[in-house]
Amino acid sequence: MALLRNNNMPKKKTIPSFEDALAELEQLVNRLERGDLSLEASLEAFERGVNLTRLCQKALQEAEQKVQILIEKNGSQVLETFADE
């Protein structure tokens, strides 16, 4: 029995990995630097780039927080659980 998909339901967005987001961001920058996009396409690419930049910044901040947790605490190395918010 096949499941029917409700086309009115919004699609769940998947969050790209840091590496995928960075690669896409690099491609967007290259496209924008070529200067052959229309104004509308340039604005869309810029908006996507801003979103990807924020995603990458968040991933880097989380990685930095994890590293800080692993650094010495009170003179001895202590591993603590990272609480992802």
Protein backbone atom coordinates (compact mmCIF):
# COMPACT_ATOMS: atom_id res chain seq x y z
CA MET A 1 0.00 0.00 0.00
CA ALA A 2 1.48 3.34 -1.06
CA LEU A 3 1.36 6.32 1.23
CA LEU A 4 -0.11 9.46 -0.26
CA ARG A 5 1.76 12.68 0.30
CA ASN A 6 -0.24 15.73 1.19
CA ASN A 7 1.06 18.42 -1.16
CA ASN A 8 -0.36 21.15 1.07
CA MET A 9 1.97 20.28 3.93
CA PRO A 10 5.23 22.28 4.08
CA LYS A 11 8.40 20.35 3.38
CA LYS A 12 10.74 19.89 6.31
CA LYS A 13 13.95 21.83 5.69
CA THR A 14 17.17 19.98 6.26
CA ILE A 15 20.08 21.85 7.76
CA PRO A 16 23.28 21.33 5.78
CA SER A 17 26.49 20.30 7.51
CA PHE A 18 29.13 22.96 8.14
CA GLU A 19 31.19 21.67 5.23
CA ASP A 20 28.22 21.63 2.84
CA ALA A 21 27.14 25.13 3.91
CA LEU A 22 30.67 26.46 3.44
CA ALA A 23 30.97 24.85 -0.01
CA GLU A 24 27.62 26.32 -1.08
CA LEU A 25 28.65 29.71 0.28
CA GLU A 26 31.87 29.59 -1.77
CA GLN A 27 29.85 28.77 -4.90
CA LEU A 28 27.49 31.67 -4.23
CA VAL A 29 30.39 34.07 -3.80
CA ASN A 30 31.89 32.90 -7.09
CA ARG A 31 28.56 33.37 -8.89
CA LEU A 32 28.12 36.84 -7.41
CA GLU A 33 31.68 37.85 -8.27
CA ARG A 34 31.19 36.85 -11.93
CA GLY A 35 28.51 39.53 -12.11
CA ASP A 36 26.35 37.73 -14.66
CA LEU A 37 23.28 37.30 -12.43
CA SER A 38 20.17 39.43 -12.68
CA LEU A 39 19.42 41.79 -9.82
CA GLU A 40 16.72 39.44 -8.50
CA ALA A 41 18.99 36.39 -8.71
CA SER A 42 21.79 38.35 -7.04
CA LEU A 43 19.52 39.33 -4.17
CA GLU A 44 18.36 35.74 -3.74
CA ALA A 45 21.96 34.51 -3.76
CA PHE A 46 22.94 37.20 -1.27
CA GLU A 47 20.06 36.26 1.04
CA ARG A 48 21.01 32.59 0.85
CA GLY A 49 24.62 33.54 1.55
CA VAL A 50 23.63 35.48 4.67
CA ASN A 51 21.67 32.47 5.93
CA LEU A 52 24.59 30.13 5.22
CA THR A 53 27.00 32.51 6.95
CA ARG A 54 24.83 32.53 10.06
CA LEU A 55 24.63 28.73 10.01
CA CYS A 56 28.43 28.47 9.72
CA GLN A 57 28.97 31.01 12.50
CA LYS A 58 26.64 29.06 14.79
CA ALA A 59 28.45 25.80 14.04
CA LEU A 60 31.82 27.44 14.78
CA GLN A 61 30.53 28.92 18.04
CA GLU A 62 29.26 25.52 19.13
CA ALA A 63 32.60 23.93 18.26
CA GLU A 64 34.43 26.62 20.22
CA GLN A 65 32.16 25.99 23.21
CA LYS A 66 32.90 22.26 23.04
CA VAL A 67 36.63 23.01 22.97
CA GLN A 68 36.29 25.32 25.97
CA ILE A 69 34.54 22.54 27.89
CA LEU A 70 37.51 20.25 27.21
CA ILE A 71 40.11 22.79 28.38
CA GLU A 72 41.54 22.61 31.86
CA LYS A 73 39.23 23.47 34.69
CA ASN A 74 40.55 24.20 38.18
CA GLY A 75 44.03 22.93 37.36
CA SER A 76 42.96 19.52 36.10
CA GLN A 77 41.45 18.34 32.88
CA VAL A 78 37.76 17.70 33.23
CA LEU A 79 35.45 16.44 30.52
CA GLU A 80 31.94 17.81 30.78
CA THR A 81 28.84 17.08 28.77
CA PHE A 82 28.03 19.69 26.18
CA ALA A 83 24.49 21.01 26.50
CA ASP A 84 23.30 21.88 23.00
CA GLU A 85 20.68 24.61 23.22
